[in-house]
Amino acid sequence: MVMGRAKENDAFVTVMANVNTIAVAVLADVACVILCEGIHFDEMSLTRAKQQEVCVLESDKPAFQIALMLGKELGLC
C-alpha cells in the first residue's frame, strides 16, 4: 500500500516495526518513518535504517493523531 501511494518526501506513519518497513521506506523514498503507539524498532532494523539513511521517529500517540498533527503543521488541515 505504501509503495503504491507514497510520494517522495512523504512521512510514513506506521505501527509496523521491522526491517521490511525500512526497505519500503527506501523504495518509496519517504522523508521519514514514524512509529506510533509506543512501538520501537529492533536493533537490526535500526542498523538498516542508519545504513540506508532513513530517518526514524517514534511516538506514543496513535497513527491518526500523528497524521493530524503533521497535517496541521504543514497547513493541510
Protein backbone atom coordinates (compact mmCIF):
# COMPACT_ATOMS: atom_id res chain seq x y z
CA MET A 1 0.00 0.00 0.00
CA VAL A 2 2.72 2.49 0.95
CA MET A 3 4.87 1.75 -2.08
CA GLY A 4 1.94 2.34 -4.40
CA ARG A 5 0.70 5.55 -2.78
CA ALA A 6 3.59 7.25 -1.00
CA LYS A 7 5.25 10.14 -2.75
CA GLU A 8 8.85 11.21 -2.43
CA ASN A 9 9.45 13.03 0.87
CA ASP A 10 6.16 11.88 2.47
CA ALA A 11 6.13 10.76 6.10
CA PHE A 12 5.45 7.03 6.54
CA VAL A 13 3.28 6.70 9.67
CA THR A 14 3.01 3.07 10.80
CA VAL A 15 2.85 0.54 13.61
CA MET A 16 4.92 -2.00 11.64
CA ALA A 17 8.39 -2.12 13.17
CA ASN A 18 10.55 -4.46 11.15
CA VAL A 19 13.31 -4.43 8.56
CA ASN A 20 10.72 -4.62 5.76
CA THR A 21 9.38 -1.23 6.86
CA ILE A 22 12.84 0.22 6.26
CA ALA A 23 13.02 -1.43 2.83
CA VAL A 24 9.65 0.05 1.86
CA ALA A 25 10.76 3.48 3.11
CA VAL A 26 13.84 3.29 0.89
CA LEU A 27 11.91 2.12 -2.17
CA ALA A 28 9.21 4.77 -1.70
CA ASP A 29 11.86 7.44 -0.94
CA VAL A 30 9.89 8.83 2.01
CA ALA A 31 11.33 11.55 4.24
CA CYS A 32 10.92 9.56 7.44
CA VAL A 33 9.25 6.65 9.18
CA ILE A 34 7.17 7.50 12.24
CA LEU A 35 6.38 4.56 14.53
CA CYS A 36 3.21 5.09 16.55
CA GLU A 37 1.61 3.71 19.69
CA GLY A 38 4.89 3.34 21.59
CA ILE A 39 6.26 0.71 19.23
CA HIS A 40 10.05 0.51 18.77
CA PHE A 41 12.33 -0.88 16.07
CA ASP A 42 14.68 -3.72 16.98
CA GLU A 43 18.45 -3.21 16.67
CA MET A 44 18.66 -4.91 13.27
CA SER A 45 16.04 -2.58 11.82
CA LEU A 46 17.70 0.49 13.35
CA THR A 47 21.05 -0.60 11.91
CA ARG A 48 19.48 -1.00 8.47
CA ALA A 49 17.78 2.41 8.78
CA LYS A 50 21.12 4.00 9.60
CA GLN A 51 22.83 2.24 6.67
CA GLN A 52 20.09 3.37 4.30
CA GLU A 53 19.93 6.89 5.81
CA VAL A 54 16.27 6.52 6.77
CA CYS A 55 15.09 8.95 9.44
CA VAL A 56 13.20 7.02 12.13
CA LEU A 57 10.95 8.74 14.68
CA GLU A 58 8.84 7.22 17.45
CA SER A 59 5.75 8.39 19.32
CA ASP A 60 3.34 7.05 21.92
CA LYS A 61 0.45 8.68 20.04
CA PRO A 62 -1.91 6.78 17.71
CA ALA A 63 -1.34 6.99 13.93
CA PHE A 64 -4.42 9.16 13.38
CA GLN A 65 -3.22 11.73 15.89
CA ILE A 66 0.25 11.81 14.32
CA ALA A 67 -1.26 12.30 10.86
CA LEU A 68 -3.48 15.11 12.17
CA MET A 69 -0.52 16.82 13.85
CA LEU A 70 1.52 16.61 10.63
CA GLY A 71 -1.40 17.94 8.60
CA LYS A 72 -1.81 20.93 10.91
CA GLU A 73 1.93 21.64 10.97
CA LEU A 74 2.06 21.57 7.16
CA GLY A 75 -1.08 23.70 6.82
CA LEU A 76 -3.07 20.91 5.18
CA CYS A 77 -5.93 20.92 7.70
